[in-house]
Amino acid sequence: MKEEIGTGLQSGPDRDFAYRILRYNPNLLRDEWVNIGVLLFDPLTGERRLRLIEEQDEYNRVKRLHRDLDEAVLRDLRGGLEERFAATAGGNGNGMGKGHASGAALAEVLKKWDEVLSNTVQLAPPKGVVASDLDAELERLYGDHVAVPRQAARVGAAGTRPQIRAYCQQVFRQARIWDRMEKFVPVAEYTFPGDPMKMDYSYRRNGTRGFLHTLSVTRAPGAAKELAYTAGRIAAKAALKTEFAAVTDIALDRAKERDRFVESTLRDAGVQPVALQEFAVWVARLRATMQ
């Protein structure tokens, strides 16, 4: 069955995609599974996107149903699946950049997954969908099938990284640079093999490669240290000049100890904090300098 999707912000002609929901089901006899991710792909070209749960409240949701959950196993799952893609397809884990699996090669990978991913993680039967943008459709499917249900919040309110990314996507589209942004960029080549972290966005302007990542200060201020470390590794190893920015869910207030910690950690690593409420202005300035 195919879904007809209209986003209102089209980036190209409609295409036929397929998607499969990843389910966590440690006890096959009870068949009590919970959705943990989405794989969206083009059956003809093999272009693909994979997104798995990443927020702590998403892991907590799984734990409420499966109390014996080994969280580390799920956190390592992405790396294992990405390696299988790369080994078979010769492309990177999200089908970004140069090269990705052909449709036939991807079909073979999924056939093998159906045979092997049966003990704990399963792939739901494939479904078809019509959309114009792979990244935007992935966000929609993830929100519908996997994300923890939330009440609608006003733009700029304290929220999760997926909420921040949704707003960033809207601003990028309105500025007409969405198609020029790289999304979910792996950092393992700059840090260590197997590093599952991905920078949310990357762009190029005037011989500089920029990296942009979302940060929920209200929910996970400690993530600023991970971002600062990663930015340092990228800056040290990247072939091009680099720049970094972090989109925060709130404006940082140096009068507050938590916010002061986040700001100092980021700025010491050369990462510019950009409050969500100021992001549209920041993007307008970026657009004027992009190649």
Protein backbone atom coordinates (compact mmCIF):
# COMPACT_ATOMS: atom_id res chain seq x y z
CA MET A 1 0.00 0.00 0.00
CA LYS A 2 1.30 3.44 -0.89
CA GLU A 3 0.86 6.68 0.99
CA GLU A 4 0.48 9.95 -0.91
CA ILE A 5 2.43 12.68 0.85
CA GLY A 6 2.31 16.43 0.30
CA THR A 7 4.69 18.51 2.42
CA GLY A 8 3.91 21.96 1.03
CA LEU A 9 7.66 22.54 0.61
CA GLN A 10 8.66 20.47 -2.39
CA SER A 11 12.31 19.99 -3.31
CA GLY A 12 11.76 18.04 -6.51
CA PRO A 13 9.38 15.73 -8.40
CA ASP A 14 7.60 12.96 -6.52
CA ARG A 15 9.41 9.63 -6.34
CA ASP A 16 8.44 6.12 -5.30
CA PHE A 17 10.20 5.08 -2.08
CA ALA A 18 9.88 2.09 0.20
CA TYR A 19 10.36 1.92 3.93
CA ARG A 20 10.75 -0.70 6.62
CA ILE A 21 10.29 -0.20 10.34
CA LEU A 22 12.91 -1.73 12.64
CA ARG A 23 11.42 -3.49 15.66
CA TYR A 24 12.98 -4.59 18.93
CA ASN A 25 11.55 -7.99 19.94
CA PRO A 26 13.73 -9.96 22.40
CA ASN A 27 11.09 -12.64 22.98
CA LEU A 28 9.73 -14.12 19.76
CA LEU A 29 7.19 -16.27 21.61
CA ARG A 30 5.46 -13.26 23.17
CA ASP A 31 5.75 -11.13 20.02
CA GLU A 32 5.83 -7.92 22.09
CA TRP A 33 7.82 -5.65 19.84
CA VAL A 34 8.44 -1.92 19.90
CA ASN A 35 9.50 0.26 16.96
CA ILE A 36 13.08 1.53 17.21
CA GLY A 37 13.93 2.87 13.77
CA VAL A 38 13.10 3.53 10.11
CA LEU A 39 14.91 2.50 6.94
CA LEU A 40 13.75 4.51 3.92
CA PHE A 41 15.11 3.79 0.45
CA ASP A 42 14.68 4.11 -3.29
CA PRO A 43 14.22 0.55 -4.65
CA LEU A 44 15.60 1.56 -8.05
CA THR A 45 18.76 3.47 -7.14
CA GLY A 46 19.43 2.04 -3.66
CA GLU A 47 19.69 5.53 -2.15
CA ARG A 48 18.79 5.17 1.50
CA ARG A 49 18.38 6.77 4.91
CA LEU A 50 18.47 4.99 8.25
CA ARG A 51 17.42 6.49 11.56
CA LEU A 52 17.34 4.76 14.94
CA ILE A 53 16.33 5.91 18.41
CA GLU A 54 18.91 8.14 20.04
CA GLU A 55 17.28 10.15 22.84
CA GLN A 56 17.30 8.82 26.40
CA ASP A 57 13.52 9.07 26.71
CA GLU A 58 13.24 6.89 23.60
CA TYR A 59 15.37 4.21 25.25
CA ASN A 60 13.31 4.59 28.42
CA ARG A 61 10.16 3.93 26.39
CA VAL A 62 11.63 0.61 25.22
CA LYS A 63 12.64 -0.26 28.78
CA ARG A 64 9.10 0.21 30.02
CA LEU A 65 8.06 -2.75 27.86
CA HIS A 66 11.30 -4.73 28.05
CA ARG A 67 12.80 -4.22 31.50
CA ASP A 68 15.85 -6.38 30.73
CA LEU A 69 16.88 -4.23 27.78
CA ASP A 70 20.64 -4.01 27.25
CA GLU A 71 20.81 -0.38 26.15
CA ALA A 72 24.40 -0.73 24.92
CA VAL A 73 23.30 -3.34 22.38
CA LEU A 74 20.79 -0.96 20.83
CA ARG A 75 23.25 1.93 20.89
CA ASP A 76 25.75 -0.22 18.96
CA LEU A 77 23.13 -1.40 16.48
CA ARG A 78 23.52 1.50 14.07
CA GLY A 79 27.25 0.90 13.68
CA GLY A 80 26.69 -2.75 12.87
CA LEU A 81 24.01 -2.04 10.30
CA GLU A 82 26.02 0.75 8.70
CA GLU A 83 29.04 -1.57 8.36
CA ARG A 84 26.91 -4.10 6.52
CA PHE A 85 25.72 -1.40 4.15
CA ALA A 86 29.26 -0.15 3.54
CA ALA A 87 30.70 -3.64 3.03
CA THR A 88 28.05 -4.52 0.46
CA ALA A 89 27.41 -1.20 -1.20
CA GLY A 90 30.72 0.63 -1.02
CA GLY A 91 28.94 3.77 0.18
CA ASN A 92 28.60 5.47 3.52
CA GLY A 93 25.96 4.57 6.08
CA ASN A 94 23.22 6.92 5.04
CA GLY A 95 23.58 6.85 1.31
CA MET A 96 25.01 10.38 1.41
CA GLY A 97 27.86 11.70 -0.65
CA LYS A 98 29.42 9.75 -3.51
CA GLY A 99 28.02 6.34 -4.20
CA HIS A 100 25.42 4.13 -2.64
CA ALA A 101 24.11 0.65 -3.24
CA SER A 102 22.25 -0.12 -6.44
CA GLY A 103 18.65 -1.17 -6.02
CA ALA A 104 19.59 -4.80 -6.62
CA ALA A 105 22.47 -4.70 -4.13
CA LEU A 106 20.28 -3.11 -1.48
CA ALA A 107 17.57 -5.71 -2.05
CA GLU A 108 20.17 -8.42 -1.45
CA VAL A 109 21.28 -6.77 1.79
CA LEU A 110 17.70 -6.58 3.03
CA LYS A 111 17.09 -10.21 2.09
CA LYS A 112 20.05 -11.22 4.25
CA TRP A 113 18.82 -8.96 7.06
CA ASP A 114 15.48 -10.76 7.02
CA GLU A 115 17.37 -14.00 7.56
CA VAL A 116 19.73 -12.77 10.28
CA LEU A 117 17.90 -10.00 12.15
CA SER A 118 15.40 -12.33 13.75
CA ASN A 119 16.50 -12.90 17.35
CA THR A 120 16.16 -9.40 18.77
CA VAL A 121 15.77 -6.89 15.92
CA GLN A 122 13.34 -7.43 13.08
CA LEU A 123 12.43 -5.62 9.90
CA ALA A 124 8.72 -5.07 9.40
CA PRO A 125 7.31 -5.88 5.93
CA PRO A 126 8.09 -3.19 3.33
CA LYS A 127 5.60 -0.47 2.48
CA GLY A 128 5.57 2.05 -0.33
CA VAL A 129 5.34 5.81 -0.11
CA VAL A 130 5.37 8.68 -2.61
CA ALA A 131 7.39 11.75 -1.62
CA SER A 132 9.77 14.30 -3.11
CA ASP A 133 12.53 14.39 -0.49
CA LEU A 134 14.20 11.42 1.20
CA ASP A 135 15.34 13.32 4.30
CA ALA A 136 12.04 15.08 4.92
CA GLU A 137 10.11 11.85 4.45
CA LEU A 138 12.41 10.03 6.89
CA GLU A 139 11.63 12.64 9.55
CA ARG A 140 7.90 12.27 8.92
CA LEU A 141 7.96 8.48 9.10
CA TYR A 142 10.12 8.52 12.21
CA GLY A 143 7.73 10.92 13.89
CA ASP A 144 4.71 8.81 12.96
CA HIS A 145 6.09 5.36 13.78
CA VAL A 146 8.96 5.65 16.27
CA ALA A 147 9.27 8.94 18.14
CA VAL A 148 7.85 9.29 21.63
CA PRO A 149 4.47 11.04 21.23
CA ARG A 150 4.64 14.63 22.43
CA GLN A 151 2.33 17.56 22.73
CA ALA A 152 2.89 20.29 20.17
CA ALA A 153 5.28 22.93 21.43
CA ARG A 154 5.79 26.48 20.24
CA VAL A 155 8.89 27.17 18.14
CA GLY A 156 11.80 28.00 20.41
CA ALA A 157 10.38 26.13 23.40
CA ALA A 158 12.63 23.73 25.24
CA GLY A 159 12.61 20.45 23.34
CA THR A 160 14.48 17.45 22.07
CA ARG A 161 17.03 17.31 19.30
CA PRO A 162 14.46 15.88 16.83
CA GLN A 163 12.24 18.90 17.52
CA ILE A 164 15.16 21.25 16.97
CA ARG A 165 16.10 19.47 13.74
CA ALA A 166 12.52 19.74 12.48
CA TYR A 167 12.68 23.51 12.89
CA CYS A 168 16.15 23.68 11.28
CA GLN A 169 14.83 21.79 8.27
CA GLN A 170 11.97 24.25 7.92
CA VAL A 171 14.35 27.22 7.99
CA PHE A 172 16.77 25.61 5.51
CA ARG A 173 13.90 24.96 3.11
CA GLN A 174 12.58 28.49 3.36
CA ALA A 175 16.10 29.77 2.66
CA ARG A 176 16.27 27.37 -0.33
CA ILE A 177 19.52 25.74 0.79
CA TRP A 178 18.11 22.44 2.11
CA ASP A 179 19.32 20.51 -0.94
CA ARG A 180 22.83 21.93 -0.48
CA MET A 181 23.16 20.67 3.08
CA GLU A 182 24.69 17.29 3.87
CA LYS A 183 22.71 15.47 6.54
CA PHE A 184 23.72 13.06 9.30
CA VAL A 185 27.44 13.20 8.50
CA PRO A 186 29.49 10.34 10.07
CA VAL A 187 32.44 11.49 12.20
CA ALA A 188 34.23 8.15 12.52
CA GLU A 189 36.84 9.13 9.92
CA TYR A 190 37.89 11.99 12.19
CA THR A 191 37.61 10.23 15.55
CA PHE A 192 37.80 6.44 15.78
CA PRO A 193 36.39 3.55 13.72
CA GLY A 194 33.00 2.55 15.02
CA ASP A 195 32.11 5.98 16.41
CA PRO A 196 28.32 6.09 15.90
CA MET A 197 28.00 9.87 16.19
CA LYS A 198 26.82 11.86 13.18
CA MET A 199 26.86 15.62 12.83
CA ASP A 200 23.37 16.77 11.92
CA TYR A 201 24.41 18.99 9.00
CA SER A 202 27.43 20.01 6.97
CA TYR A 203 27.90 22.66 4.28
CA ARG A 204 30.64 24.29 2.20
CA ARG A 205 31.31 27.96 1.65
CA ASN A 206 34.36 29.89 0.44
CA GLY A 207 36.75 26.95 0.82
CA THR A 208 35.48 26.19 4.32
CA ARG A 209 33.56 23.14 5.44
CA GLY A 210 31.02 23.92 8.14
CA PHE A 211 29.43 21.54 10.62
CA LEU A 212 26.17 22.21 12.41
CA HIS A 213 24.78 20.13 15.26
CA THR A 214 21.71 20.44 17.46
CA LEU A 215 22.03 20.52 21.24
CA SER A 216 19.23 20.33 23.81
CA VAL A 217 20.64 22.28 26.73
CA THR A 218 17.55 21.76 28.87
CA ARG A 219 17.63 17.98 28.46
CA ALA A 220 21.28 17.03 27.93
CA PRO A 221 23.76 19.84 28.70
CA GLY A 222 26.54 17.25 29.08
CA ALA A 223 26.32 16.54 25.34
CA ALA A 224 28.25 19.80 24.87
CA LYS A 225 31.42 17.93 25.90
CA GLU A 226 30.90 15.25 23.24
CA LEU A 227 30.33 17.90 20.60
CA ALA A 228 33.36 19.91 21.71
CA TYR A 229 35.61 16.84 21.59
CA THR A 230 34.29 15.85 18.15
CA ALA A 231 34.76 19.35 16.76
CA GLY A 232 38.37 19.30 17.95
CA ARG A 233 39.06 15.99 16.21
CA ILE A 234 37.43 17.14 12.97
CA ALA A 235 39.34 20.44 12.96
CA ALA A 236 42.62 18.59 13.49
CA LYS A 237 42.11 16.06 10.68
CA ALA A 238 39.95 17.77 8.06
CA ALA A 239 41.60 18.64 4.77
CA LEU A 240 39.69 21.92 4.49
CA LYS A 241 39.37 24.80 6.90
CA THR A 242 36.47 24.09 9.26
CA GLU A 243 33.89 25.97 11.29
CA PHE A 244 31.33 24.73 13.78
CA ALA A 245 28.02 25.86 15.23
CA ALA A 246 25.56 24.36 17.71
CA VAL A 247 21.85 25.12 17.55
CA THR A 248 20.60 25.23 21.14
CA ASP A 249 16.99 24.93 22.23
CA ILE A 250 17.31 28.00 24.46
CA ALA A 251 19.35 31.19 24.51
CA LEU A 252 22.30 30.66 26.85
CA ASP A 253 22.27 32.80 29.98
CA ARG A 254 25.73 33.21 31.51
CA ALA A 255 24.11 34.06 34.84
CA LYS A 256 23.10 30.39 35.06
CA GLU A 257 25.83 27.89 35.91
CA ARG A 258 24.53 25.24 33.54
CA ASP A 259 24.36 27.62 30.58
CA ARG A 260 27.77 29.05 31.41
CA PHE A 261 29.23 25.53 31.37
CA VAL A 262 27.69 24.81 27.95
CA GLU A 263 28.78 28.10 26.40
CA SER A 264 32.34 27.90 27.72
CA THR A 265 32.71 24.27 26.64
CA LEU A 266 31.53 25.06 23.12
CA ARG A 267 33.46 28.28 22.61
CA ASP A 268 36.71 26.79 23.94
CA ALA A 269 36.39 24.18 21.17
CA GLY A 270 35.61 26.78 18.49
CA VAL A 271 31.89 25.96 18.33
CA GLN A 272 29.54 28.93 17.98
CA PRO A 273 26.30 28.58 20.00
CA VAL A 274 23.21 29.68 18.02
CA ALA A 275 19.92 29.90 19.91
CA LEU A 276 16.94 28.45 18.08
CA GLN A 277 15.18 31.81 18.14
CA GLU A 278 18.15 33.34 16.29
CA PHE A 279 18.64 30.50 13.82
CA ALA A 280 16.70 32.02 10.90
CA VAL A 281 18.94 35.11 10.97
CA TRP A 282 22.05 32.91 11.20
CA VAL A 283 20.90 30.90 8.15
CA ALA A 284 20.23 34.07 6.15
CA ARG A 285 23.84 35.14 6.73
CA LEU A 286 25.11 31.68 5.83
CA ARG A 287 23.11 31.59 2.60
CA ALA A 288 24.67 34.84 1.43
CA THR A 289 28.17 33.29 1.64
CA MET A 290 27.53 29.77 0.35
CA GLN A 291 28.95 28.77 -2.97
